[in-house]
């Protein structure tokens, strides 16, 4: 039992009052069962362009959020998928977009602008795998407990503007944190990523090839943050890295206060979430909000490929 402002409720998803789930997907679409999610998403970036509902397209969804996938395998899959989609577009076809959601085994990755000065270890003897990639941005860390989303999206069908795309990925995370746990996340002017208070919880770095995106976003959910101490994450030295789990444990400081009843939890300190439960809830929200922000219908993958060997959990959808 959980006490919320003097009220007894059961189940970890019920500690915030939810409005009814909003259904915007076709009956044959592949999407998470989002029961319990608050759909009262704040109008955070109403000025941003969002495709209209009559522009909805299909997106193959590789939902591998419970799987620990080596970075090099996901990286190879992204590049192969970009080439496949590019070839189809060149033939005048309109192939579906793709998105994969997963976790990685511990790895550091560097972007095109990365400086060795932001490494706090010998580059020749890294504590984990270290890869120089073609994405934008500085060095970051991926590991278990972090949800990584790689959208392969044809921006010709959306908006051919890389800065817009970065803001939309931020929007996905901001909405997902709100719909998962009513956490009020935000942007920081001049920087890419998502913050809750002073803590950066999501990093974003992308690459575009012939207006088809790859790489993507990483959200610290229940991540061990110690490996971040061996780098200057994203080259930002004066802002700490945080995780959803860490900040939920300080919920009396960060839980959103909306115009309605207070959402501060009186007895939160006595309640501990399992990592798997937090990951499950956030993963559902990320997929729902990705589909909503980009106005896509998520469908099961049509073709076998290097990532499908991990796809042991998709049949539940």
C-alpha atoms as a PDB file:
ATOM      1  CA  UNK A   1       0.000   0.000   0.000  1.00  0.00           C
ATOM      2  CA  UNK A   2       1.165   3.499  -0.787  1.00  0.00           C
ATOM      3  CA  UNK A   3       0.085   6.587   1.074  1.00  0.00           C
ATOM      4  CA  UNK A   4      -0.392   9.631  -1.134  1.00  0.00           C
ATOM      5  CA  UNK A   5      -1.419  12.844   0.553  1.00  0.00           C
ATOM      6  CA  UNK A   6      -3.313  10.797   3.108  1.00  0.00           C
ATOM      7  CA  UNK A   7      -4.961   8.426   0.586  1.00  0.00           C
ATOM      8  CA  UNK A   8      -4.320   4.662   0.386  1.00  0.00           C
ATOM      9  CA  UNK A   9      -3.793   3.253  -3.116  1.00  0.00           C
ATOM     10  CA  UNK A  10      -2.383   0.010  -4.448  1.00  0.00           C
ATOM     11  CA  UNK A  11       0.186  -0.508  -7.189  1.00  0.00           C
ATOM     12  CA  UNK A  12       3.189   1.582  -8.090  1.00  0.00           C
ATOM     13  CA  UNK A  13       1.508   3.061 -11.183  1.00  0.00           C
ATOM     14  CA  UNK A  14      -1.342   4.589  -9.214  1.00  0.00           C
ATOM     15  CA  UNK A  15       0.601   7.038  -7.088  1.00  0.00           C
ATOM     16  CA  UNK A  16      -0.250   9.848  -9.505  1.00  0.00           C
ATOM     17  CA  UNK A  17      -3.781  10.444 -10.665  1.00  0.00           C
ATOM     18  CA  UNK A  18      -4.144   9.499 -14.319  1.00  0.00           C
ATOM     19  CA  UNK A  19      -6.556  10.699 -16.914  1.00  0.00           C
ATOM     20  CA  UNK A  20      -8.000   8.164 -19.387  1.00  0.00           C
ATOM     21  CA  UNK A  21      -5.616   6.694 -21.937  1.00  0.00           C
ATOM     22  CA  UNK A  22      -5.842   8.372 -25.326  1.00  0.00           C
ATOM     23  CA  UNK A  23      -5.971   5.985 -28.271  1.00  0.00           C
ATOM     24  CA  UNK A  24      -4.585   7.313 -31.545  1.00  0.00           C
ATOM     25  CA  UNK A  25      -3.329   4.089 -33.100  1.00  0.00           C
ATOM     26  CA  UNK A  26      -4.917   1.940 -35.772  1.00  0.00           C
ATOM     27  CA  UNK A  27      -6.266  -1.427 -34.705  1.00  0.00           C
ATOM     28  CA  UNK A  28      -3.406  -3.336 -36.346  1.00  0.00           C
ATOM     29  CA  UNK A  29      -0.632  -1.128 -35.022  1.00  0.00           C
ATOM     30  CA  UNK A  30       2.181  -2.316 -32.779  1.00  0.00           C
ATOM     31  CA  UNK A  31       2.184  -0.282 -29.598  1.00  0.00           C
ATOM     32  CA  UNK A  32       2.650  -0.711 -25.846  1.00  0.00           C
ATOM     33  CA  UNK A  33      -0.251  -1.419 -23.540  1.00  0.00           C
ATOM     34  CA  UNK A  34      -0.211   1.949 -21.836  1.00  0.00           C
ATOM     35  CA  UNK A  35      -2.744   1.342 -19.067  1.00  0.00           C
ATOM     36  CA  UNK A  36      -2.051   3.596 -16.136  1.00  0.00           C
ATOM     37  CA  UNK A  37      -0.179   6.233 -18.099  1.00  0.00           C
ATOM     38  CA  UNK A  38      -1.253   9.796 -17.621  1.00  0.00           C
ATOM     39  CA  UNK A  39      -2.191  11.202 -21.008  1.00  0.00           C
ATOM     40  CA  UNK A  40      -2.539  14.743 -19.702  1.00  0.00           C
ATOM     41  CA  UNK A  41       0.739  15.710 -21.310  1.00  0.00           C
ATOM     42  CA  UNK A  42       1.716  19.347 -20.803  1.00  0.00           C
ATOM     43  CA  UNK A  43       1.797  21.558 -23.879  1.00  0.00           C
ATOM     44  CA  UNK A  44       5.558  21.965 -23.669  1.00  0.00           C
ATOM     45  CA  UNK A  45       6.518  22.929 -27.203  1.00  0.00           C
ATOM     46  CA  UNK A  46       3.342  23.917 -28.959  1.00  0.00           C
ATOM     47  CA  UNK A  47       5.329  26.122 -31.345  1.00  0.00           C
ATOM     48  CA  UNK A  48       7.162  23.124 -32.819  1.00  0.00           C
ATOM     49  CA  UNK A  49       5.869  21.605 -36.034  1.00  0.00           C
ATOM     50  CA  UNK A  50       4.308  18.171 -35.542  1.00  0.00           C
ATOM     51  CA  UNK A  51       3.065  16.162 -38.550  1.00  0.00           C
ATOM     52  CA  UNK A  52      -0.711  16.084 -38.834  1.00  0.00           C
ATOM     53  CA  UNK A  53      -2.632  12.891 -38.204  1.00  0.00           C
ATOM     54  CA  UNK A  54      -3.404  12.375 -41.890  1.00  0.00           C
ATOM     55  CA  UNK A  55       0.377  12.134 -42.451  1.00  0.00           C
ATOM     56  CA  UNK A  56       0.835   9.105 -40.162  1.00  0.00           C
ATOM     57  CA  UNK A  57       3.232   6.508 -41.522  1.00  0.00           C
ATOM     58  CA  UNK A  58       4.312   3.081 -40.364  1.00  0.00           C
ATOM     59  CA  UNK A  59       7.459   2.540 -38.316  1.00  0.00           C
ATOM     60  CA  UNK A  60       8.929  -0.888 -37.655  1.00  0.00           C
ATOM     61  CA  UNK A  61       9.477  -1.180 -33.908  1.00  0.00           C
ATOM     62  CA  UNK A  62      12.178  -3.422 -32.480  1.00  0.00           C
ATOM     63  CA  UNK A  63      11.186  -3.380 -28.816  1.00  0.00           C
ATOM     64  CA  UNK A  64      14.212  -4.926 -27.111  1.00  0.00           C
ATOM     65  CA  UNK A  65      14.145  -2.879 -23.938  1.00  0.00           C
ATOM     66  CA  UNK A  66      14.890  -5.889 -21.714  1.00  0.00           C
ATOM     67  CA  UNK A  67      17.859  -6.961 -23.801  1.00  0.00           C
ATOM     68  CA  UNK A  68      21.506  -6.010 -23.243  1.00  0.00           C
ATOM     69  CA  UNK A  69      22.769  -5.558 -26.805  1.00  0.00           C
ATOM     70  CA  UNK A  70      26.461  -4.986 -27.630  1.00  0.00           C
ATOM     71  CA  UNK A  71      26.962  -1.498 -29.021  1.00  0.00           C
ATOM     72  CA  UNK A  72      28.707  -2.649 -32.194  1.00  0.00           C
ATOM     73  CA  UNK A  73      25.771  -4.851 -33.181  1.00  0.00           C
ATOM     74  CA  UNK A  74      23.229  -2.040 -32.809  1.00  0.00           C
ATOM     75  CA  UNK A  75      25.582   0.334 -34.616  1.00  0.00           C
ATOM     76  CA  UNK A  76      25.967  -2.076 -37.524  1.00  0.00           C
ATOM     77  CA  UNK A  77      22.186  -2.598 -37.686  1.00  0.00           C
ATOM     78  CA  UNK A  78      21.584   1.138 -37.870  1.00  0.00           C
ATOM     79  CA  UNK A  79      23.965   1.640 -40.775  1.00  0.00           C
ATOM     80  CA  UNK A  80      22.550  -1.342 -42.670  1.00  0.00           C
ATOM     81  CA  UNK A  81      19.002  -0.095 -42.106  1.00  0.00           C
ATOM     82  CA  UNK A  82      19.898   3.395 -43.313  1.00  0.00           C
ATOM     83  CA  UNK A  83      21.395   1.921 -46.491  1.00  0.00           C
ATOM     84  CA  UNK A  84      18.343  -0.283 -47.064  1.00  0.00           C
ATOM     85  CA  UNK A  85      15.906   2.603 -46.634  1.00  0.00           C
ATOM     86  CA  UNK A  86      18.049   4.914 -48.775  1.00  0.00           C
ATOM     87  CA  UNK A  87      18.115   2.366 -51.585  1.00  0.00           C
ATOM     88  CA  UNK A  88      14.330   1.980 -51.418  1.00  0.00           C
ATOM     89  CA  UNK A  89      13.822   5.742 -51.504  1.00  0.00           C
ATOM     90  CA  UNK A  90      16.140   5.996 -54.524  1.00  0.00           C
ATOM     91  CA  UNK A  91      13.871   3.502 -56.313  1.00  0.00           C
ATOM     92  CA  UNK A  92      10.884   5.731 -55.656  1.00  0.00           C
ATOM     93  CA  UNK A  93       9.490   3.549 -52.869  1.00  0.00           C
ATOM     94  CA  UNK A  94       8.270   4.653 -49.441  1.00  0.00           C
ATOM     95  CA  UNK A  95       9.672   2.090 -46.989  1.00  0.00           C
ATOM     96  CA  UNK A  96       8.615   2.227 -43.337  1.00  0.00           C
ATOM     97  CA  UNK A  97      10.822   3.977 -40.827  1.00  0.00           C
ATOM     98  CA  UNK A  98      12.402   1.937 -38.032  1.00  0.00           C
ATOM     99  CA  UNK A  99      13.076   2.387 -34.341  1.00  0.00           C
ATOM    100  CA  UNK A 100      14.854   0.163 -31.846  1.00  0.00           C
ATOM    101  CA  UNK A 101      14.705   0.486 -28.055  1.00  0.00           C
ATOM    102  CA  UNK A 102      17.302  -1.413 -26.050  1.00  0.00           C
ATOM    103  CA  UNK A 103      19.999  -1.361 -23.380  1.00  0.00           C
ATOM    104  CA  UNK A 104      23.723  -1.659 -24.004  1.00  0.00           C
ATOM    105  CA  UNK A 105      26.508  -3.460 -22.233  1.00  0.00           C
ATOM    106  CA  UNK A 106      28.928  -0.887 -20.736  1.00  0.00           C
ATOM    107  CA  UNK A 107      30.539   1.233 -23.435  1.00  0.00           C
ATOM    108  CA  UNK A 108      31.869   4.737 -24.023  1.00  0.00           C
ATOM    109  CA  UNK A 109      31.185   6.386 -27.369  1.00  0.00           C
ATOM    110  CA  UNK A 110      32.701   9.509 -28.858  1.00  0.00           C
ATOM    111  CA  UNK A 111      31.141  11.754 -31.490  1.00  0.00           C
ATOM    112  CA  UNK A 112      32.596  13.660 -34.392  1.00  0.00           C
ATOM    113  CA  UNK A 113      33.467  16.638 -32.190  1.00  0.00           C
ATOM    114  CA  UNK A 114      34.760  14.640 -29.231  1.00  0.00           C
ATOM    115  CA  UNK A 115      37.948  15.741 -27.529  1.00  0.00           C
ATOM    116  CA  UNK A 116      40.290  13.411 -25.686  1.00  0.00           C
ATOM    117  CA  UNK A 117      40.424  16.104 -23.008  1.00  0.00           C
ATOM    118  CA  UNK A 118      37.003  14.914 -21.836  1.00  0.00           C
ATOM    119  CA  UNK A 119      38.303  11.411 -21.101  1.00  0.00           C
ATOM    120  CA  UNK A 120      39.449  10.806 -17.533  1.00  0.00           C
ATOM    121  CA  UNK A 121      41.258   7.603 -18.442  1.00  0.00           C
ATOM    122  CA  UNK A 122      43.983   6.432 -20.789  1.00  0.00           C
ATOM    123  CA  UNK A 123      42.385   6.121 -24.219  1.00  0.00           C
ATOM    124  CA  UNK A 124      44.581   3.112 -24.931  1.00  0.00           C
ATOM    125  CA  UNK A 125      43.369   1.344 -21.791  1.00  0.00           C
ATOM    126  CA  UNK A 126      39.694   2.291 -21.333  1.00  0.00           C
ATOM    127  CA  UNK A 127      37.687   0.793 -18.450  1.00  0.00           C
ATOM    128  CA  UNK A 128      35.044  -0.348 -20.970  1.00  0.00           C
ATOM    129  CA  UNK A 129      34.813  -0.561 -24.741  1.00  0.00           C
ATOM    130  CA  UNK A 130      35.468   2.781 -26.426  1.00  0.00           C
ATOM    131  CA  UNK A 131      34.184   3.605 -29.914  1.00  0.00           C
ATOM    132  CA  UNK A 132      34.676   6.625 -32.137  1.00  0.00           C
ATOM    133  CA  UNK A 133      31.404   7.130 -34.005  1.00  0.00           C
ATOM    134  CA  UNK A 134      29.989   9.406 -36.687  1.00  0.00           C
ATOM    135  CA  UNK A 135      27.220  10.879 -34.519  1.00  0.00           C
ATOM    136  CA  UNK A 136      27.249  14.460 -33.367  1.00  0.00           C
ATOM    137  CA  UNK A 137      28.197  15.442 -29.859  1.00  0.00           C
ATOM    138  CA  UNK A 138      30.832  14.629 -27.292  1.00  0.00           C
ATOM    139  CA  UNK A 139      31.706  11.534 -25.269  1.00  0.00           C
ATOM    140  CA  UNK A 140      28.989   9.675 -23.372  1.00  0.00           C
ATOM    141  CA  UNK A 141      28.415   6.381 -21.570  1.00  0.00           C
ATOM    142  CA  UNK A 142      25.882   3.623 -22.258  1.00  0.00           C
ATOM    143  CA  UNK A 143      25.141   0.741 -19.916  1.00  0.00           C
ATOM    144  CA  UNK A 144      22.466  -1.439 -18.317  1.00  0.00           C
ATOM    145  CA  UNK A 145      19.567   0.496 -16.836  1.00  0.00           C
ATOM    146  CA  UNK A 146      19.751   3.102 -19.591  1.00  0.00           C
ATOM    147  CA  UNK A 147      17.105   3.015 -22.327  1.00  0.00           C
ATOM    148  CA  UNK A 148      18.598   3.807 -25.720  1.00  0.00           C
ATOM    149  CA  UNK A 149      16.353   4.660 -28.665  1.00  0.00           C
ATOM    150  CA  UNK A 150      17.670   4.651 -32.220  1.00  0.00           C
ATOM    151  CA  UNK A 151      15.101   6.033 -34.702  1.00  0.00           C
ATOM    152  CA  UNK A 152      15.810   5.497 -38.404  1.00  0.00           C
ATOM    153  CA  UNK A 153      13.518   8.203 -39.774  1.00  0.00           C
ATOM    154  CA  UNK A 154      13.211   9.663 -43.262  1.00  0.00           C
ATOM    155  CA  UNK A 155      13.082  13.386 -42.541  1.00  0.00           C
ATOM    156  CA  UNK A 156      11.724  14.021 -46.025  1.00  0.00           C
ATOM    157  CA  UNK A 157       8.455  12.701 -44.581  1.00  0.00           C
ATOM    158  CA  UNK A 158       8.738  14.906 -41.503  1.00  0.00           C
ATOM    159  CA  UNK A 159      10.752  18.110 -41.722  1.00  0.00           C
ATOM    160  CA  UNK A 160      14.174  18.473 -43.331  1.00  0.00           C
ATOM    161  CA  UNK A 161      15.685  20.334 -40.402  1.00  0.00           C
ATOM    162  CA  UNK A 162      18.232  18.700 -38.102  1.00  0.00           C
ATOM    163  CA  UNK A 163      17.731  21.206 -35.287  1.00  0.00           C
ATOM    164  CA  UNK A 164      13.994  20.550 -35.406  1.00  0.00           C
ATOM    165  CA  UNK A 165      14.669  16.808 -35.201  1.00  0.00           C
ATOM    166  CA  UNK A 166      16.840  17.226 -32.100  1.00  0.00           C
ATOM    167  CA  UNK A 167      14.106  19.259 -30.410  1.00  0.00           C
ATOM    168  CA  UNK A 168      11.560  16.570 -31.271  1.00  0.00           C
ATOM    169  CA  UNK A 169      13.700  13.846 -29.690  1.00  0.00           C
ATOM    170  CA  UNK A 170      13.899  16.009 -26.584  1.00  0.00           C
ATOM    171  CA  UNK A 171      10.127  16.333 -26.756  1.00  0.00           C
ATOM    172  CA  UNK A 172       9.730  12.546 -26.755  1.00  0.00           C
ATOM    173  CA  UNK A 173      11.732  12.275 -23.532  1.00  0.00           C
ATOM    174  CA  UNK A 174      10.025  15.238 -21.857  1.00  0.00           C
ATOM    175  CA  UNK A 175       6.588  13.813 -22.581  1.00  0.00           C
ATOM    176  CA  UNK A 176       7.617  10.282 -21.572  1.00  0.00           C
ATOM    177  CA  UNK A 177       8.886  11.429 -18.175  1.00  0.00           C
ATOM    178  CA  UNK A 178       5.667  13.319 -17.618  1.00  0.00           C
ATOM    179  CA  UNK A 179       3.379  10.481 -18.686  1.00  0.00           C
ATOM    180  CA  UNK A 180       5.390   7.900 -16.708  1.00  0.00           C
ATOM    181  CA  UNK A 181       5.775   9.641 -13.363  1.00  0.00           C
ATOM    182  CA  UNK A 182       4.617  13.250 -13.788  1.00  0.00           C
ATOM    183  CA  UNK A 183       8.237  14.374 -13.691  1.00  0.00           C
ATOM    184  CA  UNK A 184       8.662  17.891 -15.051  1.00  0.00           C
ATOM    185  CA  UNK A 185      11.654  17.728 -17.401  1.00  0.00           C
ATOM    186  CA  UNK A 186      13.003  20.583 -19.493  1.00  0.00           C
ATOM    187  CA  UNK A 187      15.572  21.796 -21.979  1.00  0.00           C
ATOM    188  CA  UNK A 188      18.541  24.091 -21.364  1.00  0.00           C
ATOM    189  CA  UNK A 189      19.081  26.935 -23.810  1.00  0.00           C
ATOM    190  CA  UNK A 190      22.056  26.349 -26.059  1.00  0.00           C
ATOM    191  CA  UNK A 191      22.473  22.691 -25.072  1.00  0.00           C
ATOM    192  CA  UNK A 192      21.061  19.443 -26.440  1.00  0.00           C
ATOM    193  CA  UNK A 193      19.471  16.966 -24.042  1.00  0.00           C
ATOM    194  CA  UNK A 194      16.869  16.775 -21.289  1.00  0.00           C
ATOM    195  CA  UNK A 195      17.185  17.844 -17.661  1.00  0.00           C
ATOM    196  CA  UNK A 196      15.204  17.380 -14.479  1.00  0.00           C
ATOM    197  CA  UNK A 197      16.205  20.285 -12.322  1.00  0.00           C
ATOM    198  CA  UNK A 198      19.992  20.551 -12.517  1.00  0.00           C
ATOM    199  CA  UNK A 199      20.468  16.909 -13.526  1.00  0.00           C
ATOM    200  CA  UNK A 200      20.897  15.813 -17.115  1.00  0.00           C
ATOM    201  CA  UNK A 201      18.940  12.583 -17.584  1.00  0.00           C
ATOM    202  CA  UNK A 202      18.975  12.196 -21.376  1.00  0.00           C
ATOM    203  CA  UNK A 203      21.726  12.652 -23.952  1.00  0.00           C
ATOM    204  CA  UNK A 204      21.078  13.010 -27.676  1.00  0.00           C
ATOM    205  CA  UNK A 205      23.456  12.600 -30.588  1.00  0.00           C
ATOM    206  CA  UNK A 206      22.440  11.901 -34.173  1.00  0.00           C
ATOM    207  CA  UNK A 207      23.689  11.523 -37.704  1.00  0.00           C
ATOM    208  CA  UNK A 208      21.792  12.113 -40.941  1.00  0.00           C
ATOM    209  CA  UNK A 209      22.588  10.422 -44.256  1.00  0.00           C
ATOM    210  CA  UNK A 210      20.543  11.593 -47.240  1.00  0.00           C
ATOM    211  CA  UNK A 211      18.006  12.927 -44.723  1.00  0.00           C
ATOM    212  CA  UNK A 212      17.673   9.550 -43.009  1.00  0.00           C
ATOM    213  CA  UNK A 213      18.527   9.652 -39.324  1.00  0.00           C
ATOM    214  CA  UNK A 214      20.422   7.244 -37.124  1.00  0.00           C
ATOM    215  CA  UNK A 215      21.944   7.172 -33.649  1.00  0.00           C
ATOM    216  CA  UNK A 216      19.503   8.831 -31.248  1.00  0.00           C
ATOM    217  CA  UNK A 217      18.827   9.296 -27.535  1.00  0.00           C
ATOM    218  CA  UNK A 218      19.828   7.677 -24.251  1.00  0.00           C
ATOM    219  CA  UNK A 219      17.739   8.073 -21.085  1.00  0.00           C
ATOM    220  CA  UNK A 220      19.231   7.181 -17.710  1.00  0.00           C
ATOM    221  CA  UNK A 221      16.495   5.226 -15.945  1.00  0.00           C
ATOM    222  CA  UNK A 222      18.150   3.019 -13.320  1.00  0.00           C
ATOM    223  CA  UNK A 223      21.684   3.395 -14.628  1.00  0.00           C
ATOM    224  CA  UNK A 224      24.778   3.046 -12.460  1.00  0.00           C
ATOM    225  CA  UNK A 225      26.102   6.589 -12.751  1.00  0.00           C
ATOM    226  CA  UNK A 226      29.648   5.807 -11.558  1.00  0.00           C
ATOM    227  CA  UNK A 227      31.050   5.290 -15.107  1.00  0.00           C
ATOM    228  CA  UNK A 228      30.090   8.879 -15.949  1.00  0.00           C
ATOM    229  CA  UNK A 229      32.726   9.997 -13.439  1.00  0.00           C
ATOM    230  CA  UNK A 230      35.429   8.726 -15.807  1.00  0.00           C
ATOM    231  CA  UNK A 231      34.409  11.234 -18.503  1.00  0.00           C
ATOM    232  CA  UNK A 232      33.080  14.765 -18.888  1.00  0.00           C
ATOM    233  CA  UNK A 233      29.656  13.722 -20.190  1.00  0.00           C
ATOM    234  CA  UNK A 234      28.817  15.496 -23.449  1.00  0.00           C
ATOM    235  CA  UNK A 235      31.646  17.915 -22.636  1.00  0.00           C
ATOM    236  CA  UNK A 236      29.537  19.636 -19.958  1.00  0.00           C
ATOM    237  CA  UNK A 237      31.591  19.884 -16.786  1.00  0.00           C
ATOM    238  CA  UNK A 238      29.335  22.067 -14.645  1.00  0.00           C
ATOM    239  CA  UNK A 239      26.081  20.094 -14.766  1.00  0.00           C
ATOM    240  CA  UNK A 240      25.638  16.708 -13.039  1.00  0.00           C
ATOM    241  CA  UNK A 241      24.220  13.573 -14.621  1.00  0.00           C
ATOM    242  CA  UNK A 242      21.176  11.976 -13.001  1.00  0.00           C
ATOM    243  CA  UNK A 243      18.817   9.037 -13.448  1.00  0.00           C
ATOM    244  CA  UNK A 244      15.061   8.673 -13.203  1.00  0.00           C
ATOM    245  CA  UNK A 245      15.387   6.245 -10.302  1.00  0.00           C
ATOM    246  CA  UNK A 246      17.753   8.545  -8.417  1.00  0.00           C
ATOM    247  CA  UNK A 247      15.432  11.500  -8.845  1.00  0.00           C
ATOM    248  CA  UNK A 248      12.326   9.540  -7.936  1.00  0.00           C
ATOM    249  CA  UNK A 249      13.977   8.877  -4.589  1.00  0.00           C
ATOM    250  CA  UNK A 250      14.018  12.652  -4.171  1.00  0.00           C
ATOM    251  CA  UNK A 251      10.414  12.947  -5.367  1.00  0.00           C
ATOM    252  CA  UNK A 252       9.437  15.367  -2.651  1.00  0.00           C
ATOM    253  CA  UNK A 253      11.813  17.804  -4.391  1.00  0.00           C
ATOM    254  CA  UNK A 254      11.033  17.121  -8.039  1.00  0.00           C
ATOM    255  CA  UNK A 255       7.499  15.740  -8.381  1.00  0.00           C
ATOM    256  CA  UNK A 256       5.418  18.038 -10.517  1.00  0.00           C
ATOM    257  CA  UNK A 257       2.876  20.373  -8.977  1.00  0.00           C
ATOM    258  CA  UNK A 258       0.209  20.971 -11.603  1.00  0.00           C
ATOM    259  CA  UNK A 259      -2.791  23.249 -11.462  1.00  0.00           C
ATOM    260  CA  UNK A 260      -4.773  20.405  -9.915  1.00  0.00           C
ATOM    261  CA  UNK A 261      -4.250  18.623  -6.582  1.00  0.00           C
ATOM    262  CA  UNK A 262      -0.729  18.372  -5.205  1.00  0.00           C
ATOM    263  CA  UNK A 263       1.278  15.428  -6.503  1.00  0.00           C
ATOM    264  CA  UNK A 264       3.876  15.426  -3.724  1.00  0.00           C
ATOM    265  CA  UNK A 265       4.072  12.019  -2.076  1.00  0.00           C
ATOM    266  CA  UNK A 266       4.053  12.231   1.728  1.00  0.00           C
ATOM    267  CA  UNK A 267       5.379   8.750   2.451  1.00  0.00           C
ATOM    268  CA  UNK A 268       7.573   8.285  -0.593  1.00  0.00           C
ATOM    269  CA  UNK A 269      10.732   7.661   1.414  1.00  0.00           C
ATOM    270  CA  UNK A 270       9.339   4.311   2.587  1.00  0.00           C
ATOM    271  CA  UNK A 271       8.700   3.056  -0.945  1.00  0.00           C
ATOM    272  CA  UNK A 272      11.287   1.476  -3.257  1.00  0.00           C
ATOM    273  CA  UNK A 273      10.664   0.615  -6.904  1.00  0.00           C
ATOM    274  CA  UNK A 274      12.265  -2.343  -8.570  1.00  0.00           C
ATOM    275  CA  UNK A 275      14.530  -1.339 -11.438  1.00  0.00           C
ATOM    276  CA  UNK A 276      12.626  -3.577 -13.843  1.00  0.00           C
ATOM    277  CA  UNK A 277       9.324  -1.909 -13.002  1.00  0.00           C
ATOM    278  CA  UNK A 278      10.725   1.564 -13.635  1.00  0.00           C
ATOM    279  CA  UNK A 279      12.317   0.462 -16.912  1.00  0.00           C
ATOM    280  CA  UNK A 280       9.082  -1.141 -18.060  1.00  0.00           C
ATOM    281  CA  UNK A 281       7.013   1.935 -17.334  1.00  0.00           C
ATOM    282  CA  UNK A 282       9.444   4.363 -18.959  1.00  0.00           C
ATOM    283  CA  UNK A 283       9.899   2.136 -22.007  1.00  0.00           C
ATOM    284  CA  UNK A 284       6.142   2.073 -22.573  1.00  0.00           C
ATOM    285  CA  UNK A 285       5.981   5.839 -22.362  1.00  0.00           C
ATOM    286  CA  UNK A 286       8.931   6.355 -24.712  1.00  0.00           C
ATOM    287  CA  UNK A 287       7.299   4.279 -27.440  1.00  0.00           C
ATOM    288  CA  UNK A 288       3.886   5.875 -26.980  1.00  0.00           C
ATOM    289  CA  UNK A 289       5.310   9.393 -27.074  1.00  0.00           C
ATOM    290  CA  UNK A 290       7.659   8.656 -29.978  1.00  0.00           C
ATOM    291  CA  UNK A 291       4.664   7.490 -32.023  1.00  0.00           C
ATOM    292  CA  UNK A 292       2.659  10.516 -30.914  1.00  0.00           C
ATOM    293  CA  UNK A 293       5.323  13.170 -31.511  1.00  0.00           C
ATOM    294  CA  UNK A 294       6.297  11.840 -34.939  1.00  0.00           C
ATOM    295  CA  UNK A 295       2.734  10.757 -35.817  1.00  0.00           C
ATOM    296  CA  UNK A 296       3.657   7.163 -36.677  1.00  0.00           C
ATOM    297  CA  UNK A 297       1.983   3.795 -36.207  1.00  0.00           C
ATOM    298  CA  UNK A 298       4.446   1.349 -34.675  1.00  0.00           C
ATOM    299  CA  UNK A 299       4.307  -2.077 -36.304  1.00  0.00           C
ATOM    300  CA  UNK A 300       6.171  -5.344 -35.824  1.00  0.00           C
ATOM    301  CA  UNK A 301       9.258  -5.722 -38.068  1.00  0.00           C
ATOM    302  CA  UNK A 302       8.466  -7.031 -41.552  1.00  0.00           C
ATOM    303  CA  UNK A 303      11.851  -8.569 -42.299  1.00  0.00           C
ATOM    304  CA  UNK A 304      14.333 -10.701 -40.429  1.00  0.00           C
ATOM    305  CA  UNK A 305      17.578  -8.939 -39.646  1.00  0.00           C
ATOM    306  CA  UNK A 306      20.505  -8.743 -37.220  1.00  0.00           C
ATOM    307  CA  UNK A 307      18.356  -7.328 -34.404  1.00  0.00           C
ATOM    308  CA  UNK A 308      15.511  -9.865 -34.594  1.00  0.00           C
ATOM    309  CA  UNK A 309      17.527 -12.529 -32.783  1.00  0.00           C
ATOM    310  CA  UNK A 310      17.024 -10.431 -29.659  1.00  0.00           C
ATOM    311  CA  UNK A 311      13.291  -9.983 -30.268  1.00  0.00           C
ATOM    312  CA  UNK A 312      11.981 -12.512 -27.764  1.00  0.00           C
ATOM    313  CA  UNK A 313       9.514 -10.132 -26.118  1.00  0.00           C
ATOM    314  CA  UNK A 314       7.666  -8.651 -29.083  1.00  0.00           C
ATOM    315  CA  UNK A 315       4.893 -11.252 -29.350  1.00  0.00           C
ATOM    316  CA  UNK A 316       3.158  -9.835 -26.270  1.00  0.00           C
ATOM    317  CA  UNK A 317       2.133  -6.842 -28.388  1.00  0.00           C
END
